[in-house]
Amino acid sequence: MTDISGIHEECGVFGVYAPTPCRVAEVSYYGLYALQHRGQESCGIVVNDDGLFVSHKDMGLVNEVFTEDALSRLPEGNIAVAHVRYGTTGATNRSNCQPIEVNHQKGRMALAHNGNLSNAAELRNALELSGAIFHTTSDTETIAYIITKERLRTSSIEDAVSAAMDTLDGAYSLVLMSPQKLICVRDPYGFRPLCYGKTADGMYVVASESCAVKAVGGEFIRDVEPGEMLVFGKNGVVSRKEHCGKKPKRLCIFEYIYFARPDSRIDGVSVHASRMRAGRILAQSHPCDADLVIGAPDSGLDAALGFSAESGIPYGIGLIKNKYIGRTFISPGQSSRLDGVRIKLSAVEESVRGKRVVLVDDSIVRGNTMGRVVGLLRDAGAVQVHVRISSPPFLHPCYYGTDIDSERHLIACSHTVEEIASMIGADSLGYLPEDKLPELIDGCGFCGACFNGKYPTAIPTDTRKDRFEMRLSDKLSRRNEAFPDGKQQEDNT
């Protein structure tokens, strides 16, 4: 996606269960590297060394946080959980790094989470009223509290997770470990992907995407079913399906359009093939006379190939991305986003000069950056620029992990397609028709609420990303108003 001020990635989770102690931290490192596209704010690994949890986590990319020295300090073990984060709830700071670690009366737990709870605020409020003290502002800690609470009254960690699922609502793909087991679970809607595989030496790996299983030398076995729990332990792999089939499947369609790597397969569908299909549909739905089809690196490239194949217009390389700048070169909340476009992207003049160009990208959110990209192509000599988008217009916020919390950020909510084309400087603009979305994934159940407003769950009462920070700020403000001198009066009753 070229609109670096727009949609941001999900998180990525990874887990390892080895039959004998080994360098599970290094395996996790390579797994996180393969999932780096899903989050670049922070990352972390927790290793289980015979019941002792040792962790390292910090802000930054995987190769920045896990230097050779940092990795060497993580011990051998037979279980590990790992995480890369782009936060959709909670601020960007070290306290929100995952995995989250918990010590409680019945042992220890480390938890990594991909997704967003739609009832996080209600759950957190109830926990706070019962005496819980939160150390982070992410909804992952809420999940950890609920699992821990259930663990105190159940006979096993897997029973506790199953009981917690009765309370959680929304999107969650979890990987967690206890002193003896690795557990992964996918919410009953299946909003976020999760799969597992096995290496030749008998090591089980769990990951958000199949590309990470392959990256560590594992053979992909299958996707975790919506509502399913897998328990990896001394008895092998145990599947629990008491929560399966309770909800209609609602995998986020944007996983195929943008989030996932094209070499991944999610729920049996190739991401690359899905994007190619989107490009073909675009060529059928919004044809145009042009000389060249180009894709916006990276997620627009596959759809551009599909558009070219269907239309017969030659495919070419028209934009080059600086490969040494990650997707979060412009970090969340940073100003001067537009100035970063020319550093991140450049046009290939030899390809586009004198040409009528079709530019294929995955989405337009605010439209500012797309306008600059169109400008880059015109400056390079393109005589026409026709923009084609491999998703429908974004019209509604997402409450399941995608970083759009308000309609006021969406250009399509207040402008027609023709107006948007004019605003971004394009000769024409075409979006993927919404009724064609099922064709991208062979008709499997999916969530497209960001396009049509049909939410599978109740809409949260507070949708701000920083809602928990705001609650803390409100509390501090009220306290300061009550005690302007900074001192609380003693209770003499």
Protein backbone atom coordinates (compact mmCIF):
# COMPACT_ATOMS: atom_id res chain seq x y z
CA MET A 1 0.00 0.00 0.00
CA THR A 2 1.42 3.36 -0.95
CA ASP A 3 -0.86 5.35 1.34
CA ILE A 4 1.48 5.37 4.32
CA SER A 5 -0.91 7.60 6.22
CA GLY A 6 -3.66 5.01 5.89
CA ILE A 7 -4.34 1.41 6.83
CA HIS A 8 -1.75 -0.24 9.00
CA GLU A 9 -0.94 -3.88 9.48
CA GLU A 10 -2.11 -6.36 12.03
CA CYS A 11 0.18 -7.98 14.55
CA GLY A 12 1.95 -11.26 13.95
CA VAL A 13 2.17 -14.17 16.40
CA PHE A 14 4.55 -17.12 16.45
CA GLY A 15 5.07 -20.12 18.71
CA VAL A 16 7.43 -23.09 19.00
CA TYR A 17 7.12 -26.42 20.78
CA ALA A 18 10.22 -28.64 20.56
CA PRO A 19 10.46 -32.24 21.81
CA THR A 20 13.81 -31.48 23.48
CA PRO A 21 15.44 -28.21 24.55
CA CYS A 22 17.07 -26.29 21.71
CA ARG A 23 17.58 -22.76 20.40
CA VAL A 24 13.87 -21.97 20.14
CA ALA A 25 14.67 -18.26 20.38
CA GLU A 26 16.53 -18.40 17.06
CA VAL A 27 13.66 -20.27 15.43
CA SER A 28 11.29 -17.60 16.74
CA TYR A 29 13.58 -14.87 15.43
CA TYR A 30 13.36 -16.19 11.89
CA GLY A 31 9.63 -16.70 12.28
CA LEU A 32 9.19 -13.07 13.32
CA TYR A 33 11.37 -11.95 10.43
CA ALA A 34 8.92 -13.63 8.05
CA LEU A 35 6.05 -11.83 9.80
CA GLN A 36 7.71 -8.41 9.94
CA HIS A 37 5.21 -7.03 7.40
CA ARG A 38 2.44 -7.46 9.98
CA GLY A 39 3.93 -5.04 12.49
CA GLN A 40 7.01 -2.87 12.85
CA GLU A 41 6.43 -0.95 16.08
CA SER A 42 7.82 -3.52 18.48
CA CYS A 43 8.61 -7.20 18.90
CA GLY A 44 9.40 -9.74 21.58
CA ILE A 45 10.27 -13.35 22.36
CA VAL A 46 9.69 -15.29 25.59
CA VAL A 47 11.53 -18.61 26.06
CA ASN A 48 10.46 -21.35 28.47
CA ASP A 49 13.62 -22.81 30.02
CA ASP A 50 12.31 -25.73 32.08
CA GLY A 51 9.59 -23.60 33.64
CA LEU A 52 11.69 -20.44 33.89
CA PHE A 53 10.51 -17.72 31.49
CA VAL A 54 13.21 -15.51 29.97
CA SER A 55 12.21 -12.68 27.64
CA HIS A 56 13.50 -9.88 25.48
CA LYS A 57 11.23 -7.29 23.88
CA ASP A 58 11.55 -3.69 22.80
CA MET A 59 10.49 -1.05 20.30
CA GLY A 60 11.79 -1.45 16.75
CA LEU A 61 12.17 -3.94 13.92
CA VAL A 62 13.13 -7.56 14.51
CA ASN A 63 16.75 -7.13 13.43
CA GLU A 64 17.07 -3.98 15.57
CA VAL A 65 15.66 -5.50 18.75
CA PHE A 66 17.23 -8.93 18.42
CA THR A 67 20.90 -8.26 17.92
CA GLU A 68 23.33 -11.16 18.05
CA ASP A 69 24.09 -10.29 21.66
CA ALA A 70 20.39 -10.09 22.63
CA LEU A 71 19.64 -13.47 21.05
CA SER A 72 22.65 -15.09 22.75
CA ARG A 73 21.28 -14.10 26.15
CA LEU A 74 18.07 -16.05 25.58
CA PRO A 75 18.57 -19.63 26.81
CA GLU A 76 17.73 -22.92 25.18
CA GLY A 77 14.24 -24.19 25.88
CA ASN A 78 11.51 -26.35 24.44
CA ILE A 79 8.75 -23.71 24.17
CA ALA A 80 8.71 -20.10 22.98
CA VAL A 81 6.13 -17.48 22.01
CA ALA A 82 6.89 -14.40 19.94
CA HIS A 83 5.17 -11.30 18.57
CA VAL A 84 5.52 -8.38 16.17
CA ARG A 85 3.21 -5.46 16.87
CA TYR A 86 1.38 -2.72 15.15
CA GLY A 87 -0.95 -1.41 17.82
CA THR A 88 -4.64 -0.89 17.11
CA THR A 89 -5.49 -0.49 20.80
CA GLY A 90 -3.03 1.21 23.11
CA ALA A 91 -0.19 3.63 22.64
CA THR A 92 3.09 3.01 20.88
CA ASN A 93 5.44 2.46 23.81
CA ARG A 94 7.53 -0.25 25.43
CA SER A 95 4.93 -1.12 28.08
CA ASN A 96 2.63 -2.42 25.32
CA CYS A 97 5.25 -4.72 23.81
CA GLN A 98 4.24 -8.36 23.64
CA PRO A 99 4.23 -11.20 24.56
CA ILE A 100 2.64 -10.33 27.90
CA GLU A 101 3.92 -12.34 30.87
CA VAL A 102 1.82 -13.22 33.90
CA ASN A 103 2.77 -14.79 37.24
CA HIS A 104 -0.11 -16.22 39.24
CA GLN A 105 -0.87 -18.72 41.96
CA LYS A 106 -1.00 -21.69 39.58
CA GLY A 107 2.08 -20.89 37.55
CA ARG A 108 3.19 -18.64 34.73
CA MET A 109 1.86 -17.69 31.33
CA ALA A 110 3.12 -15.74 28.31
CA LEU A 111 0.60 -14.51 25.75
CA ALA A 112 0.82 -13.07 22.22
CA HIS A 113 -2.29 -11.70 20.52
CA ASN A 114 -3.30 -10.67 17.01
CA GLY A 115 -6.64 -8.92 16.68
CA ASN A 116 -8.86 -6.53 18.57
CA LEU A 117 -11.62 -7.25 21.08
CA SER A 118 -14.88 -5.49 20.37
CA ASN A 119 -15.87 -5.69 24.06
CA ALA A 120 -12.46 -4.76 25.50
CA ALA A 121 -13.66 -1.60 27.27
CA GLU A 122 -16.52 -3.37 29.05
CA LEU A 123 -14.28 -6.25 30.12
CA ARG A 124 -11.54 -3.97 31.36
CA ASN A 125 -13.98 -1.83 33.32
CA ALA A 126 -15.41 -4.91 35.05
CA LEU A 127 -11.93 -6.17 35.88
CA GLU A 128 -10.88 -2.80 37.31
CA LEU A 129 -14.00 -2.70 39.49
CA SER A 130 -13.06 -6.13 40.84
CA GLY A 131 -9.60 -4.88 41.82
CA ALA A 132 -7.46 -5.62 38.77
CA ILE A 133 -4.54 -3.25 38.20
CA PHE A 134 -3.46 -2.82 34.58
CA HIS A 135 0.13 -2.11 33.55
CA THR A 136 -0.51 -1.65 29.82
CA THR A 137 -3.16 -0.01 27.66
CA SER A 138 -3.61 -2.84 25.15
CA ASP A 139 -6.54 -5.22 25.16
CA THR A 140 -4.10 -8.15 25.27
CA GLU A 141 -3.66 -7.60 28.99
CA THR A 142 -7.44 -7.86 29.38
CA ILE A 143 -7.31 -11.28 27.71
CA ALA A 144 -4.45 -12.32 30.00
CA TYR A 145 -6.42 -11.26 33.09
CA ILE A 146 -9.51 -13.20 32.06
CA ILE A 147 -7.53 -16.37 31.28
CA THR A 148 -5.69 -16.07 34.61
CA LYS A 149 -8.96 -15.55 36.47
CA GLU A 150 -10.39 -18.69 34.87
CA ARG A 151 -7.18 -20.63 35.55
CA LEU A 152 -7.62 -20.13 39.28
CA ARG A 153 -10.84 -22.15 39.19
CA THR A 154 -10.10 -24.71 36.46
CA SER A 155 -7.95 -27.82 36.40
CA SER A 156 -5.81 -26.94 33.36
CA ILE A 157 -4.63 -23.99 31.30
CA GLU A 158 -6.57 -25.21 28.27
CA ASP A 159 -9.79 -25.35 30.29
CA ALA A 160 -9.09 -21.77 31.40
CA VAL A 161 -8.62 -20.60 27.81
CA SER A 162 -11.81 -22.33 26.73
CA ALA A 163 -13.76 -20.69 29.57
CA ALA A 164 -12.28 -17.29 28.68
CA MET A 165 -13.52 -17.66 25.11
CA ASP A 166 -17.08 -17.52 26.44
CA THR A 167 -16.34 -13.95 27.55
CA LEU A 168 -14.19 -12.58 24.73
CA ASP A 169 -15.86 -11.02 21.71
CA GLY A 170 -14.21 -9.85 18.53
CA ALA A 171 -10.98 -10.78 16.82
CA TYR A 172 -8.27 -12.79 18.53
CA SER A 173 -5.70 -15.26 17.34
CA LEU A 174 -3.69 -16.23 20.40
CA VAL A 175 -0.46 -18.10 21.04
CA LEU A 176 0.33 -18.69 24.70
CA MET A 177 2.53 -20.92 26.80
CA SER A 178 2.39 -22.31 30.29
CA PRO A 179 5.34 -24.07 31.97
CA GLN A 180 4.41 -27.30 30.17
CA LYS A 181 2.31 -26.50 27.10
CA LEU A 182 2.02 -24.33 24.01
CA ILE A 183 -1.56 -23.36 23.13
CA CYS A 184 -2.97 -21.58 20.12
CA VAL A 185 -6.56 -20.51 19.60
CA ARG A 186 -8.54 -18.69 16.93
CA ASP A 187 -11.73 -16.79 17.69
CA PRO A 188 -15.03 -18.42 16.60
CA TYR A 189 -15.42 -15.96 13.71
CA GLY A 190 -11.91 -16.63 12.45
CA PHE A 191 -11.26 -12.92 11.87
CA ARG A 192 -7.48 -13.32 11.89
CA PRO A 193 -5.45 -16.13 10.33
CA LEU A 194 -3.55 -18.78 12.28
CA CYS A 195 -1.87 -22.00 11.15
CA TYR A 196 0.68 -24.57 12.23
CA GLY A 197 3.29 -26.90 10.81
CA LYS A 198 6.11 -29.23 11.77
CA THR A 199 9.82 -29.34 11.05
CA ALA A 200 11.78 -32.42 10.02
CA ASP A 201 13.22 -32.76 13.55
CA GLY A 202 9.76 -32.87 15.15
CA MET A 203 9.39 -29.24 16.21
CA TYR A 204 5.87 -27.78 16.00
CA VAL A 205 5.52 -24.15 14.92
CA VAL A 206 2.44 -21.93 15.06
CA ALA A 207 2.23 -18.71 13.05
CA SER A 208 -0.10 -16.02 11.78
CA GLU A 209 0.81 -16.98 8.21
CA SER A 210 2.10 -20.05 6.42
CA CYS A 211 5.08 -18.08 5.05
CA ALA A 212 6.56 -18.05 8.58
CA VAL A 213 6.17 -21.83 8.90
CA LYS A 214 8.11 -22.26 5.66
CA ALA A 215 10.71 -19.70 6.71
CA VAL A 216 11.85 -21.88 9.63
CA GLY A 217 11.97 -25.05 7.55
CA GLY A 218 8.58 -26.35 8.61
CA GLU A 219 6.01 -28.16 6.55
CA PHE A 220 2.61 -26.52 6.63
CA ILE A 221 0.00 -28.87 8.13
CA ARG A 222 -3.20 -26.83 8.20
CA ASP A 223 -4.98 -23.70 9.33
CA VAL A 224 -6.46 -23.54 12.80
CA GLU A 225 -10.23 -23.62 12.42
CA PRO A 226 -12.36 -20.71 13.68
CA GLY A 227 -13.09 -21.44 17.35
CA GLU A 228 -10.51 -24.23 17.55
CA MET A 229 -7.85 -24.64 20.22
CA LEU A 230 -4.68 -26.65 19.69
CA VAL A 231 -2.65 -27.85 22.68
CA PHE A 232 0.97 -28.89 22.10
CA GLY A 233 2.47 -30.93 24.91
CA LYS A 234 4.04 -34.22 25.91
CA ASN A 235 0.99 -36.02 24.50
CA GLY A 236 1.47 -34.53 21.05
CA VAL A 237 -1.17 -32.24 19.53
CA VAL A 238 -4.67 -32.17 20.95
CA SER A 239 -7.49 -30.35 19.16
CA ARG A 240 -10.43 -28.93 21.08
CA LYS A 241 -13.44 -27.76 19.11
CA GLU A 242 -16.11 -26.92 21.66
CA HIS A 243 -16.25 -23.37 20.28
CA CYS A 244 -16.23 -24.34 16.61
CA GLY A 245 -19.36 -23.75 14.54
CA LYS A 246 -20.91 -21.32 16.99
CA LYS A 247 -20.41 -18.29 14.74
CA PRO A 248 -20.40 -17.78 10.96
CA LYS A 249 -16.91 -17.56 9.52
CA ARG A 250 -15.80 -13.96 9.06
CA LEU A 251 -12.16 -13.89 8.00
CA CYS A 252 -11.00 -10.33 7.32
CA ILE A 253 -11.05 -9.94 3.53
CA PHE A 254 -8.27 -7.37 3.77
CA GLU A 255 -5.88 -10.14 4.78
CA TYR A 256 -6.00 -11.20 1.12
CA ILE A 257 -6.09 -7.69 -0.34
CA TYR A 258 -3.21 -6.24 1.66
CA PHE A 259 -2.12 -7.59 5.05
CA ALA A 260 -0.74 -11.03 4.23
CA ARG A 261 2.37 -11.87 2.26
CA PRO A 262 1.57 -13.07 -1.27
CA ASP A 263 3.40 -16.37 -0.71
CA SER A 264 1.06 -17.29 2.15
CA ARG A 265 -2.05 -19.45 1.97
CA ILE A 266 -4.91 -18.58 4.32
CA ASP A 267 -7.78 -21.00 4.85
CA GLY A 268 -6.80 -22.88 1.72
CA VAL A 269 -6.65 -19.84 -0.58
CA SER A 270 -3.42 -18.50 -2.10
CA VAL A 271 -2.98 -14.80 -1.32
CA HIS A 272 -1.14 -14.29 -4.62
CA ALA A 273 -3.92 -15.97 -6.60
CA SER A 274 -6.54 -13.91 -4.77
CA ARG A 275 -4.82 -10.66 -5.68
CA MET A 276 -4.36 -11.76 -9.28
CA ARG A 277 -8.09 -12.48 -9.38
CA ALA A 278 -8.82 -8.99 -8.04
CA GLY A 279 -6.76 -7.48 -10.85
CA ARG A 280 -8.63 -9.47 -13.46
CA ILE A 281 -11.97 -8.35 -12.01
CA LEU A 282 -10.78 -4.73 -12.09
CA ALA A 283 -9.88 -5.05 -15.78
CA GLN A 284 -13.34 -6.44 -16.51
CA SER A 285 -15.21 -3.91 -14.37
CA HIS A 286 -13.20 -0.78 -15.19
CA PRO A 287 -11.42 -1.19 -18.55
CA CYS A 288 -9.47 1.66 -20.09
CA ASP A 289 -7.24 2.44 -23.06
CA ALA A 290 -3.67 2.50 -21.82
CA ASP A 291 -0.11 1.56 -22.77
CA LEU A 292 1.24 0.23 -19.50
CA VAL A 293 0.03 -1.39 -16.26
CA ILE A 294 2.10 -0.86 -13.12
CA GLY A 295 1.55 -1.84 -9.50
CA ALA A 296 2.20 0.16 -6.35
CA PRO A 297 4.85 -1.74 -4.38
CA ASP A 298 4.33 -4.13 -2.80
CA SER A 299 0.72 -5.17 -2.34
CA GLY A 300 -0.45 -3.72 -5.66
CA LEU A 301 1.96 -5.76 -7.77
CA ASP A 302 -0.01 -9.02 -7.89
CA ALA A 303 -3.26 -7.27 -8.75
CA ALA A 304 -1.45 -5.31 -11.48
CA LEU A 305 -0.28 -8.59 -13.00
CA GLY A 306 -3.87 -9.79 -13.03
CA PHE A 307 -5.09 -6.56 -14.63
CA SER A 308 -2.42 -6.86 -17.33
CA ALA A 309 -3.20 -10.51 -18.04
CA GLU A 310 -6.92 -9.85 -18.40
CA SER A 311 -6.68 -6.60 -20.37
CA GLY A 312 -3.75 -7.48 -22.60
CA ILE A 313 -2.03 -4.20 -21.67
CA PRO A 314 1.69 -4.80 -21.05
CA TYR A 315 2.88 -4.96 -17.45
CA GLY A 316 5.92 -2.94 -16.43
CA ILE A 317 7.88 -1.57 -13.51
CA GLY A 318 6.88 2.05 -13.02
CA LEU A 319 7.54 2.62 -9.32
CA ILE A 320 10.53 1.60 -7.23
CA LYS A 321 10.34 1.36 -3.44
CA ASN A 322 13.35 2.01 -1.27
CA LYS A 323 13.82 -1.49 0.16
CA TYR A 324 15.73 -0.18 3.17
CA ILE A 325 12.73 1.74 4.49
CA GLY A 326 10.11 -0.29 6.31
CA ARG A 327 6.38 0.29 6.09
CA THR A 328 6.56 2.42 9.23
CA PHE A 329 9.20 4.81 7.94
CA ILE A 330 6.49 7.32 8.78
CA SER A 331 5.52 6.19 12.25
CA PRO A 332 1.98 6.42 13.68
CA GLY A 333 1.05 9.98 14.51
CA GLN A 334 4.16 11.49 12.91
CA SER A 335 3.70 14.68 10.91
CA SER A 336 4.95 15.45 7.39
CA ARG A 337 3.73 12.09 6.05
CA LEU A 338 3.57 13.40 2.51
CA ASP A 339 7.22 14.41 2.51
CA GLY A 340 8.15 10.77 2.96
CA VAL A 341 6.59 9.67 -0.32
CA ARG A 342 9.50 10.75 -2.51
CA ILE A 343 11.96 9.08 -0.15
CA LYS A 344 10.00 5.87 -0.14
CA LEU A 345 8.96 5.74 -3.82
CA SER A 346 10.38 6.94 -7.10
CA ALA A 347 9.08 6.67 -10.66
CA VAL A 348 10.97 4.92 -13.46
CA GLU A 349 10.98 7.59 -16.18
CA GLU A 350 12.09 5.20 -18.93
CA SER A 351 8.98 3.10 -18.32
CA VAL A 352 6.29 5.75 -17.99
CA ARG A 353 7.44 8.67 -20.13
CA GLY A 354 4.90 9.37 -22.88
CA LYS A 355 2.67 6.50 -21.70
CA ARG A 356 -0.94 6.17 -20.65
CA VAL A 357 -0.45 4.38 -17.35
CA VAL A 358 -2.77 2.21 -15.26
CA LEU A 359 -1.69 2.37 -11.62
CA VAL A 360 -3.04 -0.49 -9.47
CA ASP A 361 -3.02 -0.25 -5.68
CA ASP A 362 -4.90 -2.00 -2.88
CA SER A 363 -6.79 0.95 -1.36
CA ILE A 364 -7.25 4.68 -0.91
CA VAL A 365 -7.83 5.88 2.63
CA ARG A 366 -7.34 9.64 2.93
CA GLY A 367 -6.15 10.12 -0.63
CA ASN A 368 -3.26 12.47 0.16
CA THR A 369 -0.48 10.02 -0.58
CA MET A 370 -2.15 8.61 -3.68
CA GLY A 371 -2.27 12.14 -5.04
CA ARG A 372 1.47 12.47 -4.54
CA VAL A 373 2.13 9.14 -6.25
CA VAL A 374 0.05 10.20 -9.26
CA GLY A 375 2.11 13.39 -9.24
CA LEU A 376 5.33 11.37 -9.28
CA LEU A 377 4.19 9.55 -12.41
CA ARG A 378 3.16 12.75 -14.16
CA ASP A 379 6.48 14.39 -13.26
CA ALA A 380 8.19 11.36 -14.81
CA GLY A 381 6.37 11.99 -18.09
CA ALA A 382 3.19 9.89 -17.91
CA VAL A 383 0.58 11.51 -20.16
CA GLN A 384 -2.37 9.82 -18.44
CA VAL A 385 -2.72 8.05 -15.08
CA HIS A 386 -5.71 5.76 -14.52
CA VAL A 387 -5.95 4.51 -10.93
CA ARG A 388 -7.47 1.11 -10.18
CA ILE A 389 -8.04 -0.07 -6.62
CA SER A 390 -8.25 -3.78 -5.75
CA SER A 391 -10.76 -3.21 -2.94
CA PRO A 392 -14.11 -1.40 -2.66
CA PRO A 393 -14.15 2.11 -1.15
CA PHE A 394 -13.57 2.25 2.61
CA LEU A 395 -16.77 3.64 4.12
CA HIS A 396 -16.77 2.41 7.72
CA PRO A 397 -14.33 1.96 10.62
CA CYS A 398 -12.97 -1.44 11.60
CA TYR A 399 -13.26 -2.78 15.14
CA TYR A 400 -11.33 -6.02 14.65
CA GLY A 401 -7.73 -4.91 14.36
CA THR A 402 -7.40 -2.62 11.34
CA ASP A 403 -6.29 0.86 12.33
CA ILE A 404 -9.31 2.89 11.18
CA ASP A 405 -11.41 4.02 14.11
CA SER A 406 -13.51 6.76 12.52
CA GLU A 407 -15.31 7.58 9.27
CA ARG A 408 -13.87 11.09 9.35
CA HIS A 409 -10.53 9.63 8.16
CA LEU A 410 -12.06 8.07 5.03
CA ILE A 411 -12.13 10.11 1.84
CA ALA A 412 -14.82 7.92 0.25
CA CYS A 413 -17.29 8.86 3.01
CA SER A 414 -17.51 12.45 1.85
CA HIS A 415 -16.62 12.37 -1.85
CA THR A 416 -17.82 10.62 -4.97
CA VAL A 417 -15.52 8.48 -7.10
CA GLU A 418 -15.31 11.27 -9.67
CA GLU A 419 -14.44 13.82 -6.98
CA ILE A 420 -11.74 11.55 -5.56
CA ALA A 421 -10.25 11.06 -9.03
CA SER A 422 -10.05 14.82 -9.44
CA MET A 423 -8.57 15.29 -5.96
CA ILE A 424 -5.76 12.79 -6.56
CA GLY A 425 -5.12 14.05 -10.08
CA ALA A 426 -6.09 10.84 -11.88
CA ASP A 427 -7.68 10.69 -15.32
CA SER A 428 -10.02 7.97 -14.06
CA LEU A 429 -10.58 5.92 -10.92
CA GLY A 430 -12.13 2.48 -10.49
CA TYR A 431 -12.68 0.39 -7.38
CA LEU A 432 -13.27 -3.34 -7.07
CA PRO A 433 -17.07 -3.88 -6.98
CA GLU A 434 -18.17 -5.00 -3.53
CA ASP A 435 -20.31 -7.81 -4.93
CA LYS A 436 -17.15 -9.33 -6.43
CA LEU A 437 -15.39 -9.82 -3.09
CA PRO A 438 -16.55 -13.45 -2.69
CA GLU A 439 -14.75 -14.31 -5.92
CA LEU A 440 -11.41 -13.41 -4.33
CA ILE A 441 -11.65 -16.31 -1.88
CA ASP A 442 -13.87 -18.83 -3.66
CA GLY A 443 -16.97 -17.77 -1.77
CA CYS A 444 -15.65 -18.51 1.75
CA GLY A 445 -17.18 -16.53 4.60
CA PHE A 446 -15.49 -13.20 5.25
CA CYS A 447 -15.87 -9.86 7.02
CA GLY A 448 -16.25 -6.83 4.76
CA ALA A 449 -17.73 -4.48 7.35
CA CYS A 450 -15.26 -1.73 6.46
CA PHE A 451 -16.92 -1.61 3.04
CA ASN A 452 -20.59 -2.27 3.85
CA GLY A 453 -21.04 -1.61 7.57
CA LYS A 454 -22.33 -5.13 8.28
CA TYR A 455 -20.54 -5.87 11.55
CA PRO A 456 -20.56 -9.44 12.89
CA THR A 457 -20.43 -8.25 16.51
CA ALA A 458 -21.87 -5.38 18.53
CA ILE A 459 -20.18 -2.05 17.81
CA PRO A 460 -17.91 -0.94 20.70
CA THR A 461 -19.07 2.03 22.74
CA ASP A 462 -15.62 3.66 22.55
CA THR A 463 -13.60 3.08 19.40
CA ARG A 464 -10.59 5.37 19.92
CA LYS A 465 -7.22 3.65 19.65
CA ASP A 466 -6.03 5.60 22.73
CA ARG A 467 -9.23 5.02 24.72
CA PHE A 468 -7.42 3.44 27.67
CA GLU A 469 -4.83 6.22 27.74
CA MET A 470 -7.71 8.73 27.69
CA ARG A 471 -9.37 6.98 30.63
CA LEU A 472 -6.14 7.23 32.60
CA SER A 473 -5.80 10.90 31.64
CA ASP A 474 -9.37 11.58 32.76
CA LYS A 475 -8.71 9.93 36.11
CA LEU A 476 -5.57 12.01 36.66
CA SER A 477 -7.44 15.19 35.70
CA ARG A 478 -10.22 14.46 38.17
CA ARG A 479 -7.69 13.75 40.91
CA ASN A 480 -5.82 16.98 40.21
CA GLU A 481 -9.07 18.95 40.35
CA ALA A 482 -9.97 17.34 43.68
CA PHE A 483 -6.49 17.90 45.14
CA PRO A 484 -5.02 21.01 43.48
CA ASP A 485 -2.11 21.13 45.97
CA GLY A 486 -1.09 17.63 44.85
CA LYS A 487 -1.78 16.05 48.25
CA GLN A 488 -4.65 13.84 49.25
CA GLN A 489 -6.20 14.60 52.63
CA GLU A 490 -5.94 11.85 55.21
CA ASP A 491 -9.07 9.89 55.94
CA ASN A 492 -9.75 10.46 59.65
CA THR A 493 -13.02 8.62 59.84
